């Protein structure tokens, strides 16, 4: 993490996997979910069979 005084902001760089989902379960809206075992929202939105088919 690095503070950038000119922009008055912090720069944070990390490697994460984001998955974009468009489905009837998301009310036909795009949802962006971080694939992170700490968060259960990923498993709540996509059942394990769909995750397997997507190679997640």
PDB file of N, CA and C in Angstrom:
ATOM      1  N   UNK A   1       0.850  -1.166   0.000  1.00  0.00           N
ATOM      2  CA  UNK A   1       0.000   0.000   0.000  1.00  0.00           C
ATOM      3  C   UNK A   1       0.897   1.230   0.000  1.00  0.00           C
ATOM      4  N   UNK A   2       0.511   2.209  -0.826  1.00  0.00           N
ATOM      5  CA  UNK A   2       1.312   3.419  -0.944  1.00  0.00           C
ATOM      6  C   UNK A   2       0.385   4.622  -0.982  1.00  0.00           C
ATOM      7  N   UNK A   3       0.712   5.639  -0.191  1.00  0.00           N
ATOM      8  CA  UNK A   3      -0.072   6.869  -0.194  1.00  0.00           C
ATOM      9  C   UNK A   3       0.424   7.776  -1.316  1.00  0.00           C
ATOM     10  N   UNK A   4      -0.517   8.288  -2.133  1.00  0.00           N
ATOM     11  CA  UNK A   4      -0.185   9.214  -3.215  1.00  0.00           C
ATOM     12  C   UNK A   4      -0.716  10.586  -2.847  1.00  0.00           C
ATOM     13  N   UNK A   5       0.178  11.443  -2.412  1.00  0.00           N
ATOM     14  CA  UNK A   5      -0.207  12.770  -1.927  1.00  0.00           C
ATOM     15  C   UNK A   5      -0.858  13.623  -3.016  1.00  0.00           C
ATOM     16  N   UNK A   6      -0.358  13.531  -4.249  1.00  0.00           N
ATOM     17  CA  UNK A   6      -0.914  14.342  -5.332  1.00  0.00           C
ATOM     18  C   UNK A   6      -2.395  14.040  -5.567  1.00  0.00           C
ATOM     19  N   UNK A   7      -2.783  12.804  -5.407  1.00  0.00           N
ATOM     20  CA  UNK A   7      -4.177  12.403  -5.617  1.00  0.00           C
ATOM     21  C   UNK A   7      -4.948  12.293  -4.305  1.00  0.00           C
ATOM     22  N   UNK A   8      -4.235  12.447  -3.190  1.00  0.00           N
ATOM     23  CA  UNK A   8      -4.828  12.291  -1.865  1.00  0.00           C
ATOM     24  C   UNK A   8      -5.550  10.942  -1.768  1.00  0.00           C
ATOM     25  N   UNK A   9      -4.812   9.892  -2.139  1.00  0.00           N
ATOM     26  CA  UNK A   9      -5.409   8.560  -2.153  1.00  0.00           C
ATOM     27  C   UNK A   9      -4.344   7.506  -1.843  1.00  0.00           C
ATOM     28  N   UNK A  10      -4.808   6.307  -1.569  1.00  0.00           N
ATOM     29  CA  UNK A  10      -3.927   5.181  -1.354  1.00  0.00           C
ATOM     30  C   UNK A  10      -3.961   4.293  -2.583  1.00  0.00           C
ATOM     31  N   UNK A  11      -2.822   3.760  -2.966  1.00  0.00           N
ATOM     32  CA  UNK A  11      -2.711   2.823  -4.064  1.00  0.00           C
ATOM     33  C   UNK A  11      -2.483   1.445  -3.463  1.00  0.00           C
ATOM     34  N   UNK A  12      -3.408   0.533  -3.739  1.00  0.00           N
ATOM     35  CA  UNK A  12      -3.314  -0.826  -3.211  1.00  0.00           C
ATOM     36  C   UNK A  12      -3.343  -1.781  -4.394  1.00  0.00           C
ATOM     37  N   UNK A  13      -2.363  -2.649  -4.442  1.00  0.00           N
ATOM     38  CA  UNK A  13      -2.293  -3.615  -5.535  1.00  0.00           C
ATOM     39  C   UNK A  13      -2.307  -5.016  -4.949  1.00  0.00           C
ATOM     40  N   UNK A  14      -3.198  -5.862  -5.481  1.00  0.00           N
ATOM     41  CA  UNK A  14      -3.245  -7.248  -5.045  1.00  0.00           C
ATOM     42  C   UNK A  14      -3.808  -8.106  -6.170  1.00  0.00           C
ATOM     43  N   UNK A  15      -3.551  -9.378  -6.098  1.00  0.00           N
ATOM     44  CA  UNK A  15      -4.058 -10.311  -7.099  1.00  0.00           C
ATOM     45  C   UNK A  15      -5.345 -10.937  -6.581  1.00  0.00           C
ATOM     46  N   UNK A  16      -6.438 -10.683  -7.272  1.00  0.00           N
ATOM     47  CA  UNK A  16      -7.723 -11.278  -6.918  1.00  0.00           C
ATOM     48  C   UNK A  16      -8.426 -11.739  -8.194  1.00  0.00           C
ATOM     49  N   UNK A  17      -9.349 -12.639  -8.027  1.00  0.00           N
ATOM     50  CA  UNK A  17     -10.158 -13.115  -9.151  1.00  0.00           C
ATOM     51  C   UNK A  17     -11.565 -12.568  -8.972  1.00  0.00           C
ATOM     52  N   UNK A  18     -12.042 -11.858  -9.999  1.00  0.00           N
ATOM     53  CA  UNK A  18     -13.405 -11.347 -10.010  1.00  0.00           C
ATOM     54  C   UNK A  18     -14.181 -12.117 -11.062  1.00  0.00           C
ATOM     55  N   UNK A  19     -15.416 -12.445 -10.750  1.00  0.00           N
ATOM     56  CA  UNK A  19     -16.277 -13.144 -11.685  1.00  0.00           C
ATOM     57  C   UNK A  19     -17.495 -12.271 -11.938  1.00  0.00           C
ATOM     58  N   UNK A  20     -17.843 -12.074 -13.206  1.00  0.00           N
ATOM     59  CA  UNK A  20     -19.035 -11.316 -13.577  1.00  0.00           C
ATOM     60  C   UNK A  20     -20.153 -12.307 -13.869  1.00  0.00           C
ATOM     61  N   UNK A  21     -21.315 -12.067 -13.261  1.00  0.00           N
ATOM     62  CA  UNK A  21     -22.446 -12.980 -13.396  1.00  0.00           C
ATOM     63  C   UNK A  21     -23.671 -12.216 -13.875  1.00  0.00           C
ATOM     64  N   UNK A  22     -24.353 -12.763 -14.876  1.00  0.00           N
ATOM     65  CA  UNK A  22     -25.620 -12.217 -15.371  1.00  0.00           C
ATOM     66  C   UNK A  22     -26.580 -13.393 -15.437  1.00  0.00           C
ATOM     67  N   UNK A  23     -27.580 -13.396 -14.581  1.00  0.00           N
ATOM     68  CA  UNK A  23     -28.445 -14.559 -14.462  1.00  0.00           C
ATOM     69  C   UNK A  23     -29.767 -14.135 -13.853  1.00  0.00           C
ATOM     70  N   UNK A  24     -30.778 -14.990 -13.999  1.00  0.00           N
ATOM     71  CA  UNK A  24     -32.079 -14.670 -13.399  1.00  0.00           C
ATOM     72  C   UNK A  24     -31.981 -14.539 -11.881  1.00  0.00           C
ATOM     73  N   UNK A  25     -31.046 -15.266 -11.266  1.00  0.00           N
ATOM     74  CA  UNK A  25     -30.882 -15.165  -9.812  1.00  0.00           C
ATOM     75  C   UNK A  25     -30.311 -13.819  -9.390  1.00  0.00           C
ATOM     76  N   UNK A  26     -29.723 -13.071 -10.337  1.00  0.00           N
ATOM     77  CA  UNK A  26     -29.225 -11.721 -10.037  1.00  0.00           C
ATOM     78  C   UNK A  26     -30.189 -10.672 -10.582  1.00  0.00           C
ATOM     79  N   UNK A  27     -31.440 -11.119 -10.844  1.00  0.00           N
ATOM     80  CA  UNK A  27     -32.486 -10.253 -11.399  1.00  0.00           C
ATOM     81  C   UNK A  27     -32.051  -9.668 -12.736  1.00  0.00           C
ATOM     82  N   UNK A  28     -31.342 -10.479 -13.517  1.00  0.00           N
ATOM     83  CA  UNK A  28     -30.836 -10.097 -14.842  1.00  0.00           C
ATOM     84  C   UNK A  28     -30.011  -8.815 -14.813  1.00  0.00           C
ATOM     85  N   UNK A  29     -29.251  -8.643 -13.759  1.00  0.00           N
ATOM     86  CA  UNK A  29     -28.281  -7.548 -13.641  1.00  0.00           C
ATOM     87  C   UNK A  29     -26.904  -8.166 -13.494  1.00  0.00           C
ATOM     88  N   UNK A  30     -25.896  -7.456 -13.976  1.00  0.00           N
ATOM     89  CA  UNK A  30     -24.521  -7.917 -13.794  1.00  0.00           C
ATOM     90  C   UNK A  30     -24.132  -7.765 -12.339  1.00  0.00           C
ATOM     91  N   UNK A  31     -23.526  -8.801 -11.785  1.00  0.00           N
ATOM     92  CA  UNK A  31     -22.968  -8.776 -10.433  1.00  0.00           C
ATOM     93  C   UNK A  31     -21.508  -9.161 -10.553  1.00  0.00           C
ATOM     94  N   UNK A  32     -20.670  -8.477  -9.826  1.00  0.00           N
ATOM     95  CA  UNK A  32     -19.239  -8.765  -9.817  1.00  0.00           C
ATOM     96  C   UNK A  32     -18.884  -9.284  -8.435  1.00  0.00           C
ATOM     97  N   UNK A  33     -18.340 -10.484  -8.408  1.00  0.00           N
ATOM     98  CA  UNK A  33     -18.082 -11.169  -7.147  1.00  0.00           C
ATOM     99  C   UNK A  33     -16.612 -11.515  -7.058  1.00  0.00           C
ATOM    100  N   UNK A  34     -16.026 -11.223  -5.926  1.00  0.00           N
ATOM    101  CA  UNK A  34     -14.634 -11.622  -5.695  1.00  0.00           C
ATOM    102  C   UNK A  34     -14.631 -13.078  -5.264  1.00  0.00           C
ATOM    103  N   UNK A  35     -13.830 -13.892  -5.937  1.00  0.00           N
ATOM    104  CA  UNK A  35     -13.712 -15.297  -5.548  1.00  0.00           C
ATOM    105  C   UNK A  35     -12.742 -15.364  -4.382  1.00  0.00           C
ATOM    106  N   UNK A  36     -13.302 -15.455  -3.199  1.00  0.00           N
ATOM    107  CA  UNK A  36     -12.511 -15.429  -1.981  1.00  0.00           C
ATOM    108  C   UNK A  36     -13.173 -16.371  -0.977  1.00  0.00           C
ATOM    109  N   UNK A  37     -12.446 -17.362  -0.457  1.00  0.00           N
ATOM    110  CA  UNK A  37     -13.069 -18.310   0.474  1.00  0.00           C
ATOM    111  C   UNK A  37     -13.584 -17.659   1.757  1.00  0.00           C
ATOM    112  N   UNK A  38     -13.127 -16.467   2.094  1.00  0.00           N
ATOM    113  CA  UNK A  38     -13.599 -15.791   3.304  1.00  0.00           C
ATOM    114  C   UNK A  38     -15.039 -15.302   3.156  1.00  0.00           C
ATOM    115  N   UNK A  39     -15.454 -15.035   1.923  1.00  0.00           N
ATOM    116  CA  UNK A  39     -16.780 -14.487   1.680  1.00  0.00           C
ATOM    117  C   UNK A  39     -17.720 -15.584   1.199  1.00  0.00           C
ATOM    118  N   UNK A  40     -18.873 -15.678   1.778  1.00  0.00           N
ATOM    119  CA  UNK A  40     -19.822 -16.707   1.390  1.00  0.00           C
ATOM    120  C   UNK A  40     -20.736 -16.241   0.265  1.00  0.00           C
ATOM    121  N   UNK A  41     -20.672 -14.974  -0.114  1.00  0.00           N
ATOM    122  CA  UNK A  41     -21.570 -14.469  -1.152  1.00  0.00           C
ATOM    123  C   UNK A  41     -21.360 -15.197  -2.477  1.00  0.00           C
ATOM    124  N   UNK A  42     -20.148 -15.608  -2.747  1.00  0.00           N
ATOM    125  CA  UNK A  42     -19.858 -16.340  -3.988  1.00  0.00           C
ATOM    126  C   UNK A  42     -20.649 -17.643  -4.014  1.00  0.00           C
ATOM    127  N   UNK A  43     -20.625 -18.383  -2.925  1.00  0.00           N
ATOM    128  CA  UNK A  43     -21.347 -19.649  -2.862  1.00  0.00           C
ATOM    129  C   UNK A  43     -22.856 -19.434  -2.793  1.00  0.00           C
ATOM    130  N   UNK A  44     -23.289 -18.317  -2.231  1.00  0.00           N
ATOM    131  CA  UNK A  44     -24.724 -18.046  -2.168  1.00  0.00           C
ATOM    132  C   UNK A  44     -25.287 -17.717  -3.539  1.00  0.00           C
ATOM    133  N   UNK A  45     -24.491 -17.125  -4.407  1.00  0.00           N
ATOM    134  CA  UNK A  45     -24.976 -16.709  -5.713  1.00  0.00           C
ATOM    135  C   UNK A  45     -24.856 -17.809  -6.766  1.00  0.00           C
ATOM    136  N   UNK A  46     -23.772 -18.559  -6.718  1.00  0.00           N
ATOM    137  CA  UNK A  46     -23.548 -19.619  -7.711  1.00  0.00           C
ATOM    138  C   UNK A  46     -23.471 -20.968  -7.009  1.00  0.00           C
ATOM    139  N   UNK A  47     -24.346 -21.871  -7.391  1.00  0.00           N
ATOM    140  CA  UNK A  47     -24.286 -23.180  -6.745  1.00  0.00           C
ATOM    141  C   UNK A  47     -23.022 -23.913  -7.184  1.00  0.00           C
ATOM    142  N   UNK A  48     -22.579 -24.889  -6.398  1.00  0.00           N
ATOM    143  CA  UNK A  48     -21.315 -25.577  -6.683  1.00  0.00           C
ATOM    144  C   UNK A  48     -21.239 -26.198  -8.074  1.00  0.00           C
ATOM    145  N   UNK A  49     -22.364 -26.688  -8.606  1.00  0.00           N
ATOM    146  CA  UNK A  49     -22.350 -27.294  -9.936  1.00  0.00           C
ATOM    147  C   UNK A  49     -22.001 -26.263 -11.008  1.00  0.00           C
ATOM    148  N   UNK A  50     -22.554 -25.064 -10.913  1.00  0.00           N
ATOM    149  CA  UNK A  50     -22.237 -24.002 -11.873  1.00  0.00           C
ATOM    150  C   UNK A  50     -20.778 -23.589 -11.726  1.00  0.00           C
ATOM    151  N   UNK A  51     -20.303 -23.474 -10.502  1.00  0.00           N
ATOM    152  CA  UNK A  51     -18.902 -23.127 -10.274  1.00  0.00           C
ATOM    153  C   UNK A  51     -17.989 -24.161 -10.925  1.00  0.00           C
ATOM    154  N   UNK A  52     -18.352 -25.439 -10.805  1.00  0.00           N
ATOM    155  CA  UNK A  52     -17.552 -26.507 -11.402  1.00  0.00           C
ATOM    156  C   UNK A  52     -17.549 -26.383 -12.927  1.00  0.00           C
ATOM    157  N   UNK A  53     -18.715 -26.107 -13.511  1.00  0.00           N
ATOM    158  CA  UNK A  53     -18.804 -25.981 -14.968  1.00  0.00           C
ATOM    159  C   UNK A  53     -17.973 -24.797 -15.477  1.00  0.00           C
ATOM    160  N   UNK A  54     -17.873 -23.739 -14.673  1.00  0.00           N
ATOM    161  CA  UNK A  54     -17.094 -22.571 -15.051  1.00  0.00           C
ATOM    162  C   UNK A  54     -15.601 -22.721 -14.740  1.00  0.00           C
ATOM    163  N   UNK A  55     -15.250 -23.813 -14.073  1.00  0.00           N
ATOM    164  CA  UNK A  55     -13.844 -24.046 -13.731  1.00  0.00           C
ATOM    165  C   UNK A  55     -13.377 -23.188 -12.590  1.00  0.00           C
ATOM    166  N   UNK A  56     -14.307 -22.848 -11.699  1.00  0.00           N
ATOM    167  CA  UNK A  56     -13.945 -22.005 -10.547  1.00  0.00           C
ATOM    168  C   UNK A  56     -13.674 -22.893  -9.371  1.00  0.00           C
TER     169      UNK A  56
END
